């Protein structure tokens, strides 16, 4: 990558991140590439760890050849549901959230492995190379289950309800996080962060597992093997 060019792998605030994604999707269709949407933030070490891996020569070659990549800054946990829902995903459950999309259909090709990227800084470069080399090599037959995948009405309603609740928690955390980034850690930030992390992690695991079982056609013998759409106790601030 030329040192004269700004890095394309940076979480830069934008006046309209949704339109950035729409334009990138249109460009991906025109160029016959996959769309790669990354939602993250500069304050998140896993987000910046992923950006650092993307900036290596090996990964940069893969991404430039096969993907139209757009980085979306989530700021201090701002609402980006309009972007994730465009590709059938309720909300970002972690930073970074990495979405590999077949741009013509909007199908999310990595639906069953998205949770791994919440630990992006711990993943070796070799796994990055293998992961992002896999999707350009997929055949139309291999893509078909993801293109045809649909959540049930029950799942859609549940996911929207829980995503709204999670975004409310983000809205509570955001001002505290902003204060912390200014060097003043507010009282209650760590407790609320842990509480929210536990909730969002469990939500995403359930989402990924249910999609995985559906896409792999398991549990078709009449036995429901999918994790239940459980309901959670109120947050501490909801009880007050």
C-alpha atoms as a PDB file:
ATOM      1  CA  UNK A   1       0.000   0.000   0.000  1.00  0.00           C
ATOM      2  CA  UNK A   2       1.363   3.413  -0.933  1.00  0.00           C
ATOM      3  CA  UNK A   3       2.294   5.553   2.021  1.00  0.00           C
ATOM      4  CA  UNK A   4       0.760   8.476   0.098  1.00  0.00           C
ATOM      5  CA  UNK A   5      -2.729   6.966   0.291  1.00  0.00           C
ATOM      6  CA  UNK A   6      -4.892   7.102   3.426  1.00  0.00           C
ATOM      7  CA  UNK A   7      -5.574   3.638   4.774  1.00  0.00           C
ATOM      8  CA  UNK A   8      -8.959   2.278   3.725  1.00  0.00           C
ATOM      9  CA  UNK A   9      -8.956   0.268   6.961  1.00  0.00           C
ATOM     10  CA  UNK A  10      -9.865   2.947   9.488  1.00  0.00           C
ATOM     11  CA  UNK A  11     -12.964   3.771  11.523  1.00  0.00           C
ATOM     12  CA  UNK A  12     -13.571   7.332  10.379  1.00  0.00           C
ATOM     13  CA  UNK A  13     -16.719   9.244  11.384  1.00  0.00           C
ATOM     14  CA  UNK A  14     -19.062   9.824   8.459  1.00  0.00           C
ATOM     15  CA  UNK A  15     -22.109  12.082   8.109  1.00  0.00           C
ATOM     16  CA  UNK A  16     -24.054   9.188   6.539  1.00  0.00           C
ATOM     17  CA  UNK A  17     -22.583   5.735   7.174  1.00  0.00           C
ATOM     18  CA  UNK A  18     -25.660   4.010   5.769  1.00  0.00           C
ATOM     19  CA  UNK A  19     -25.176   5.687   2.390  1.00  0.00           C
ATOM     20  CA  UNK A  20     -21.479   4.743   2.507  1.00  0.00           C
ATOM     21  CA  UNK A  21     -22.557   1.109   2.735  1.00  0.00           C
ATOM     22  CA  UNK A  22     -25.161   1.471  -0.032  1.00  0.00           C
ATOM     23  CA  UNK A  23     -22.567   2.991  -2.367  1.00  0.00           C
ATOM     24  CA  UNK A  24     -20.051   0.277  -1.532  1.00  0.00           C
ATOM     25  CA  UNK A  25     -22.676  -2.397  -2.238  1.00  0.00           C
ATOM     26  CA  UNK A  26     -23.475  -0.847  -5.623  1.00  0.00           C
ATOM     27  CA  UNK A  27     -19.781  -0.652  -6.460  1.00  0.00           C
ATOM     28  CA  UNK A  28     -19.285  -4.301  -5.449  1.00  0.00           C
ATOM     29  CA  UNK A  29     -22.067  -5.342  -7.840  1.00  0.00           C
ATOM     30  CA  UNK A  30     -20.535  -3.304 -10.677  1.00  0.00           C
ATOM     31  CA  UNK A  31     -17.062  -4.754 -10.123  1.00  0.00           C
ATOM     32  CA  UNK A  32     -18.128  -8.344  -9.487  1.00  0.00           C
ATOM     33  CA  UNK A  33     -16.704  -8.372  -5.973  1.00  0.00           C
ATOM     34  CA  UNK A  34     -18.034  -9.316  -2.563  1.00  0.00           C
ATOM     35  CA  UNK A  35     -19.065  -6.602  -0.128  1.00  0.00           C
ATOM     36  CA  UNK A  36     -17.211  -6.485   3.184  1.00  0.00           C
ATOM     37  CA  UNK A  37     -18.755  -4.316   5.919  1.00  0.00           C
ATOM     38  CA  UNK A  38     -16.831  -3.834   9.169  1.00  0.00           C
ATOM     39  CA  UNK A  39     -18.452  -2.024  12.083  1.00  0.00           C
ATOM     40  CA  UNK A  40     -16.011  -0.994  14.773  1.00  0.00           C
ATOM     41  CA  UNK A  41     -14.315   1.838  16.618  1.00  0.00           C
ATOM     42  CA  UNK A  42     -10.846   3.241  17.192  1.00  0.00           C
ATOM     43  CA  UNK A  43     -11.189   2.828  20.966  1.00  0.00           C
ATOM     44  CA  UNK A  44     -11.728  -0.955  20.610  1.00  0.00           C
ATOM     45  CA  UNK A  45      -8.531  -3.023  20.556  1.00  0.00           C
ATOM     46  CA  UNK A  46     -10.168  -5.861  18.624  1.00  0.00           C
ATOM     47  CA  UNK A  47     -11.384  -3.372  16.001  1.00  0.00           C
ATOM     48  CA  UNK A  48      -7.943  -1.836  15.593  1.00  0.00           C
ATOM     49  CA  UNK A  49      -6.340  -5.290  15.697  1.00  0.00           C
ATOM     50  CA  UNK A  50      -8.471  -6.309  12.716  1.00  0.00           C
ATOM     51  CA  UNK A  51      -7.561  -3.089  10.887  1.00  0.00           C
ATOM     52  CA  UNK A  52      -3.876  -3.817  11.491  1.00  0.00           C
ATOM     53  CA  UNK A  53      -4.208  -7.331   9.999  1.00  0.00           C
ATOM     54  CA  UNK A  54      -6.116  -5.942   7.021  1.00  0.00           C
ATOM     55  CA  UNK A  55      -3.254  -3.502   6.420  1.00  0.00           C
ATOM     56  CA  UNK A  56      -0.680  -6.265   6.002  1.00  0.00           C
ATOM     57  CA  UNK A  57       0.504  -6.908   2.458  1.00  0.00           C
ATOM     58  CA  UNK A  58      -1.023 -10.396   2.390  1.00  0.00           C
ATOM     59  CA  UNK A  59      -4.489  -9.310   3.468  1.00  0.00           C
ATOM     60  CA  UNK A  60      -4.490  -6.062   1.508  1.00  0.00           C
ATOM     61  CA  UNK A  61      -3.891  -8.019  -1.717  1.00  0.00           C
ATOM     62  CA  UNK A  62      -6.823 -10.356  -0.975  1.00  0.00           C
ATOM     63  CA  UNK A  63      -9.190  -7.549  -0.012  1.00  0.00           C
ATOM     64  CA  UNK A  64      -8.379  -5.317  -2.970  1.00  0.00           C
ATOM     65  CA  UNK A  65      -8.761  -8.202  -5.410  1.00  0.00           C
ATOM     66  CA  UNK A  66     -11.994  -9.716  -4.110  1.00  0.00           C
ATOM     67  CA  UNK A  67     -13.869  -7.265  -1.857  1.00  0.00           C
ATOM     68  CA  UNK A  68     -15.357  -3.811  -1.810  1.00  0.00           C
ATOM     69  CA  UNK A  69     -14.567  -2.963   1.793  1.00  0.00           C
ATOM     70  CA  UNK A  70     -16.273  -0.310   3.891  1.00  0.00           C
ATOM     71  CA  UNK A  71     -15.394   0.479   7.498  1.00  0.00           C
ATOM     72  CA  UNK A  72     -18.244   1.894   9.604  1.00  0.00           C
ATOM     73  CA  UNK A  73     -17.429   3.858  12.740  1.00  0.00           C
ATOM     74  CA  UNK A  74     -19.885   3.088  15.543  1.00  0.00           C
ATOM     75  CA  UNK A  75     -18.586   5.974  17.651  1.00  0.00           C
ATOM     76  CA  UNK A  76     -19.477   5.480  21.284  1.00  0.00           C
ATOM     77  CA  UNK A  77     -21.974   2.680  20.600  1.00  0.00           C
ATOM     78  CA  UNK A  78     -24.219   4.636  18.249  1.00  0.00           C
ATOM     79  CA  UNK A  79     -27.212   3.036  16.557  1.00  0.00           C
ATOM     80  CA  UNK A  80     -26.216   1.256  13.321  1.00  0.00           C
ATOM     81  CA  UNK A  81     -29.215  -1.085  13.053  1.00  0.00           C
ATOM     82  CA  UNK A  82     -30.221   0.384   9.691  1.00  0.00           C
ATOM     83  CA  UNK A  83     -26.975  -1.014   8.262  1.00  0.00           C
ATOM     84  CA  UNK A  84     -27.040  -4.456   9.879  1.00  0.00           C
ATOM     85  CA  UNK A  85     -30.752  -4.990   9.138  1.00  0.00           C
ATOM     86  CA  UNK A  86     -30.079  -4.317   5.459  1.00  0.00           C
ATOM     87  CA  UNK A  87     -28.337  -7.695   5.478  1.00  0.00           C
ATOM     88  CA  UNK A  88     -30.762  -9.519   7.756  1.00  0.00           C
ATOM     89  CA  UNK A  89     -28.792  -9.041  10.979  1.00  0.00           C
ATOM     90  CA  UNK A  90     -30.486  -7.357  13.968  1.00  0.00           C
ATOM     91  CA  UNK A  91     -27.650  -5.227  15.410  1.00  0.00           C
ATOM     92  CA  UNK A  92     -23.916  -5.270  16.014  1.00  0.00           C
ATOM     93  CA  UNK A  93     -23.310  -7.453  19.050  1.00  0.00           C
ATOM     94  CA  UNK A  94     -19.573  -6.837  19.174  1.00  0.00           C
ATOM     95  CA  UNK A  95     -16.893  -4.555  17.841  1.00  0.00           C
ATOM     96  CA  UNK A  96     -15.770  -5.326  15.310  1.00  0.00           C
ATOM     97  CA  UNK A  97     -18.728  -6.865  13.513  1.00  0.00           C
ATOM     98  CA  UNK A  98     -17.595  -8.318  10.169  1.00  0.00           C
ATOM     99  CA  UNK A  99     -20.167  -8.907   7.419  1.00  0.00           C
ATOM    100  CA  UNK A 100     -19.243 -10.755   4.209  1.00  0.00           C
ATOM    101  CA  UNK A 101     -22.077 -10.042   1.791  1.00  0.00           C
ATOM    102  CA  UNK A 102     -23.060 -11.315  -1.644  1.00  0.00           C
ATOM    103  CA  UNK A 103     -23.951  -7.835  -2.922  1.00  0.00           C
ATOM    104  CA  UNK A 104     -26.584  -8.617  -5.556  1.00  0.00           C
ATOM    105  CA  UNK A 105     -28.860 -10.420  -3.099  1.00  0.00           C
ATOM    106  CA  UNK A 106     -27.618  -8.851   0.134  1.00  0.00           C
ATOM    107  CA  UNK A 107     -27.059 -12.370   1.507  1.00  0.00           C
ATOM    108  CA  UNK A 108     -24.819 -12.588   4.561  1.00  0.00           C
ATOM    109  CA  UNK A 109     -22.349 -15.343   3.672  1.00  0.00           C
ATOM    110  CA  UNK A 110     -20.588 -15.538   7.035  1.00  0.00           C
ATOM    111  CA  UNK A 111     -23.746 -15.610   9.148  1.00  0.00           C
ATOM    112  CA  UNK A 112     -22.617 -18.708  11.074  1.00  0.00           C
ATOM    113  CA  UNK A 113     -19.168 -17.439  12.043  1.00  0.00           C
ATOM    114  CA  UNK A 114     -19.609 -13.747  12.782  1.00  0.00           C
ATOM    115  CA  UNK A 115     -19.172 -14.150  16.527  1.00  0.00           C
ATOM    116  CA  UNK A 116     -15.474 -15.067  16.170  1.00  0.00           C
ATOM    117  CA  UNK A 117     -14.588 -11.515  15.118  1.00  0.00           C
ATOM    118  CA  UNK A 118     -15.397 -10.122  18.537  1.00  0.00           C
ATOM    119  CA  UNK A 119     -11.934 -11.503  19.387  1.00  0.00           C
ATOM    120  CA  UNK A 120     -10.274 -10.242  16.203  1.00  0.00           C
ATOM    121  CA  UNK A 121      -7.033  -9.149  17.839  1.00  0.00           C
ATOM    122  CA  UNK A 122      -6.414 -12.703  19.091  1.00  0.00           C
ATOM    123  CA  UNK A 123      -6.795 -14.335  15.671  1.00  0.00           C
ATOM    124  CA  UNK A 124      -3.526 -15.128  13.840  1.00  0.00           C
ATOM    125  CA  UNK A 125      -2.890 -13.609  10.420  1.00  0.00           C
ATOM    126  CA  UNK A 126      -2.921 -17.084   8.821  1.00  0.00           C
ATOM    127  CA  UNK A 127      -6.557 -17.528   9.914  1.00  0.00           C
ATOM    128  CA  UNK A 128      -7.456 -14.139   8.437  1.00  0.00           C
ATOM    129  CA  UNK A 129      -5.925 -15.166   5.122  1.00  0.00           C
ATOM    130  CA  UNK A 130      -7.745 -18.518   5.090  1.00  0.00           C
ATOM    131  CA  UNK A 131     -11.080 -16.981   6.136  1.00  0.00           C
ATOM    132  CA  UNK A 132     -11.184 -14.159   3.624  1.00  0.00           C
ATOM    133  CA  UNK A 133      -9.863 -16.377   0.826  1.00  0.00           C
ATOM    134  CA  UNK A 134     -12.719 -18.834   1.383  1.00  0.00           C
ATOM    135  CA  UNK A 135     -15.649 -16.650   0.358  1.00  0.00           C
ATOM    136  CA  UNK A 136     -14.442 -15.543  -3.093  1.00  0.00           C
ATOM    137  CA  UNK A 137     -13.962 -19.243  -3.904  1.00  0.00           C
ATOM    138  CA  UNK A 138     -17.552 -20.204  -3.021  1.00  0.00           C
ATOM    139  CA  UNK A 139     -19.640 -21.611  -5.857  1.00  0.00           C
ATOM    140  CA  UNK A 140     -23.204 -20.497  -6.559  1.00  0.00           C
ATOM    141  CA  UNK A 141     -24.390 -23.801  -5.118  1.00  0.00           C
ATOM    142  CA  UNK A 142     -22.464 -23.143  -1.903  1.00  0.00           C
ATOM    143  CA  UNK A 143     -23.867 -19.620  -1.668  1.00  0.00           C
ATOM    144  CA  UNK A 144     -27.452 -20.723  -2.316  1.00  0.00           C
ATOM    145  CA  UNK A 145     -28.370 -21.737   1.281  1.00  0.00           C
ATOM    146  CA  UNK A 146     -27.254 -18.308   2.545  1.00  0.00           C
ATOM    147  CA  UNK A 147     -29.039 -16.484  -0.262  1.00  0.00           C
ATOM    148  CA  UNK A 148     -32.239 -18.423   0.481  1.00  0.00           C
ATOM    149  CA  UNK A 149     -31.969 -18.255   4.279  1.00  0.00           C
ATOM    150  CA  UNK A 150     -34.807 -16.463   6.051  1.00  0.00           C
ATOM    151  CA  UNK A 151     -35.503 -15.988   9.732  1.00  0.00           C
ATOM    152  CA  UNK A 152     -38.879 -17.182  10.929  1.00  0.00           C
ATOM    153  CA  UNK A 153     -41.481 -14.579  11.871  1.00  0.00           C
ATOM    154  CA  UNK A 154     -40.955 -15.535  15.503  1.00  0.00           C
ATOM    155  CA  UNK A 155     -37.190 -15.022  15.198  1.00  0.00           C
ATOM    156  CA  UNK A 156     -37.627 -11.674  13.451  1.00  0.00           C
ATOM    157  CA  UNK A 157     -39.923 -10.337  16.173  1.00  0.00           C
ATOM    158  CA  UNK A 158     -37.694 -11.669  18.940  1.00  0.00           C
ATOM    159  CA  UNK A 159     -34.479 -10.335  17.389  1.00  0.00           C
ATOM    160  CA  UNK A 160     -35.959  -6.886  16.866  1.00  0.00           C
ATOM    161  CA  UNK A 161     -37.210  -6.759  20.444  1.00  0.00           C
ATOM    162  CA  UNK A 162     -33.858  -7.826  21.894  1.00  0.00           C
ATOM    163  CA  UNK A 163     -31.903  -5.554  19.539  1.00  0.00           C
ATOM    164  CA  UNK A 164     -33.954  -2.568  20.700  1.00  0.00           C
ATOM    165  CA  UNK A 165     -33.232  -3.511  24.287  1.00  0.00           C
ATOM    166  CA  UNK A 166     -29.512  -3.892  23.546  1.00  0.00           C
ATOM    167  CA  UNK A 167     -29.399  -0.520  21.781  1.00  0.00           C
ATOM    168  CA  UNK A 168     -31.036   1.032  24.837  1.00  0.00           C
ATOM    169  CA  UNK A 169     -28.180  -0.405  26.895  1.00  0.00           C
ATOM    170  CA  UNK A 170     -25.694   1.032  24.382  1.00  0.00           C
ATOM    171  CA  UNK A 171     -27.420   4.400  24.743  1.00  0.00           C
ATOM    172  CA  UNK A 172     -26.843   4.179  28.495  1.00  0.00           C
ATOM    173  CA  UNK A 173     -23.211   3.148  28.031  1.00  0.00           C
ATOM    174  CA  UNK A 174     -22.321   5.636  25.301  1.00  0.00           C
ATOM    175  CA  UNK A 175     -22.028   8.819  27.413  1.00  0.00           C
ATOM    176  CA  UNK A 176     -20.116   6.890  30.100  1.00  0.00           C
ATOM    177  CA  UNK A 177     -17.739   5.487  27.486  1.00  0.00           C
ATOM    178  CA  UNK A 178     -17.215   8.955  25.981  1.00  0.00           C
ATOM    179  CA  UNK A 179     -16.325  10.293  29.436  1.00  0.00           C
ATOM    180  CA  UNK A 180     -13.919   7.404  29.976  1.00  0.00           C
ATOM    181  CA  UNK A 181     -12.209   8.120  26.642  1.00  0.00           C
ATOM    182  CA  UNK A 182     -11.661  11.685  27.856  1.00  0.00           C
ATOM    183  CA  UNK A 183      -9.701  10.245  30.773  1.00  0.00           C
ATOM    184  CA  UNK A 184     -12.369  10.246  33.481  1.00  0.00           C
ATOM    185  CA  UNK A 185     -13.808   6.829  34.286  1.00  0.00           C
ATOM    186  CA  UNK A 186     -17.377   7.341  35.540  1.00  0.00           C
ATOM    187  CA  UNK A 187     -18.778   5.375  38.439  1.00  0.00           C
ATOM    188  CA  UNK A 188     -20.800   2.408  37.234  1.00  0.00           C
ATOM    189  CA  UNK A 189     -19.200   2.124  33.788  1.00  0.00           C
ATOM    190  CA  UNK A 190     -17.443  -1.192  34.402  1.00  0.00           C
ATOM    191  CA  UNK A 191     -20.460  -2.855  36.006  1.00  0.00           C
ATOM    192  CA  UNK A 192     -22.813  -1.779  33.211  1.00  0.00           C
ATOM    193  CA  UNK A 193     -20.251  -2.765  30.572  1.00  0.00           C
ATOM    194  CA  UNK A 194     -19.962  -6.291  31.995  1.00  0.00           C
ATOM    195  CA  UNK A 195     -23.721  -6.634  32.305  1.00  0.00           C
ATOM    196  CA  UNK A 196     -24.249  -5.545  28.695  1.00  0.00           C
ATOM    197  CA  UNK A 197     -21.415  -7.714  27.380  1.00  0.00           C
ATOM    198  CA  UNK A 198     -22.890 -10.835  28.967  1.00  0.00           C
ATOM    199  CA  UNK A 199     -26.275 -10.084  27.429  1.00  0.00           C
ATOM    200  CA  UNK A 200     -25.041  -9.275  23.910  1.00  0.00           C
ATOM    201  CA  UNK A 201     -22.678 -12.262  23.863  1.00  0.00           C
ATOM    202  CA  UNK A 202     -25.455 -14.695  24.775  1.00  0.00           C
ATOM    203  CA  UNK A 203     -27.789 -13.144  22.209  1.00  0.00           C
ATOM    204  CA  UNK A 204     -25.266 -13.498  19.410  1.00  0.00           C
ATOM    205  CA  UNK A 205     -24.353 -17.076  20.317  1.00  0.00           C
ATOM    206  CA  UNK A 206     -28.023 -18.051  20.133  1.00  0.00           C
ATOM    207  CA  UNK A 207     -28.469 -16.228  16.824  1.00  0.00           C
ATOM    208  CA  UNK A 208     -25.416 -17.888  15.269  1.00  0.00           C
ATOM    209  CA  UNK A 209     -26.307 -21.361  16.546  1.00  0.00           C
ATOM    210  CA  UNK A 210     -29.890 -21.216  15.290  1.00  0.00           C
ATOM    211  CA  UNK A 211     -28.708 -20.083  11.852  1.00  0.00           C
ATOM    212  CA  UNK A 212     -26.043 -22.772  11.799  1.00  0.00           C
ATOM    213  CA  UNK A 213     -28.513 -25.541  12.556  1.00  0.00           C
ATOM    214  CA  UNK A 214     -30.953 -24.243   9.946  1.00  0.00           C
ATOM    215  CA  UNK A 215     -28.321 -23.894   7.224  1.00  0.00           C
ATOM    216  CA  UNK A 216     -26.876 -27.325   7.935  1.00  0.00           C
ATOM    217  CA  UNK A 217     -30.381 -28.848   8.005  1.00  0.00           C
ATOM    218  CA  UNK A 218     -29.875 -30.501  11.366  1.00  0.00           C
ATOM    219  CA  UNK A 219     -32.686 -31.397  13.651  1.00  0.00           C
ATOM    220  CA  UNK A 220     -35.102 -32.343  10.858  1.00  0.00           C
ATOM    221  CA  UNK A 221     -36.153 -35.555  12.631  1.00  0.00           C
ATOM    222  CA  UNK A 222     -38.875 -33.713  14.507  1.00  0.00           C
ATOM    223  CA  UNK A 223     -36.694 -32.890  17.507  1.00  0.00           C
ATOM    224  CA  UNK A 224     -36.115 -29.190  18.103  1.00  0.00           C
ATOM    225  CA  UNK A 225     -32.366 -28.860  18.571  1.00  0.00           C
ATOM    226  CA  UNK A 226     -32.230 -25.071  18.250  1.00  0.00           C
ATOM    227  CA  UNK A 227     -31.398 -22.993  21.320  1.00  0.00           C
ATOM    228  CA  UNK A 228     -34.528 -21.489  22.812  1.00  0.00           C
ATOM    229  CA  UNK A 229     -35.398 -17.847  22.241  1.00  0.00           C
ATOM    230  CA  UNK A 230     -35.016 -17.159  25.914  1.00  0.00           C
ATOM    231  CA  UNK A 231     -36.148 -14.090  27.777  1.00  0.00           C
ATOM    232  CA  UNK A 232     -33.726 -12.286  30.054  1.00  0.00           C
ATOM    233  CA  UNK A 233     -34.046 -10.716  33.454  1.00  0.00           C
ATOM    234  CA  UNK A 234     -34.202  -6.916  33.575  1.00  0.00           C
ATOM    235  CA  UNK A 235     -30.961  -4.948  33.497  1.00  0.00           C
ATOM    236  CA  UNK A 236     -29.973  -3.427  36.835  1.00  0.00           C
ATOM    237  CA  UNK A 237     -31.002   0.031  35.594  1.00  0.00           C
ATOM    238  CA  UNK A 238     -34.372  -1.345  34.437  1.00  0.00           C
ATOM    239  CA  UNK A 239     -35.055  -2.611  37.946  1.00  0.00           C
ATOM    240  CA  UNK A 240     -34.439   0.853  39.337  1.00  0.00           C
END
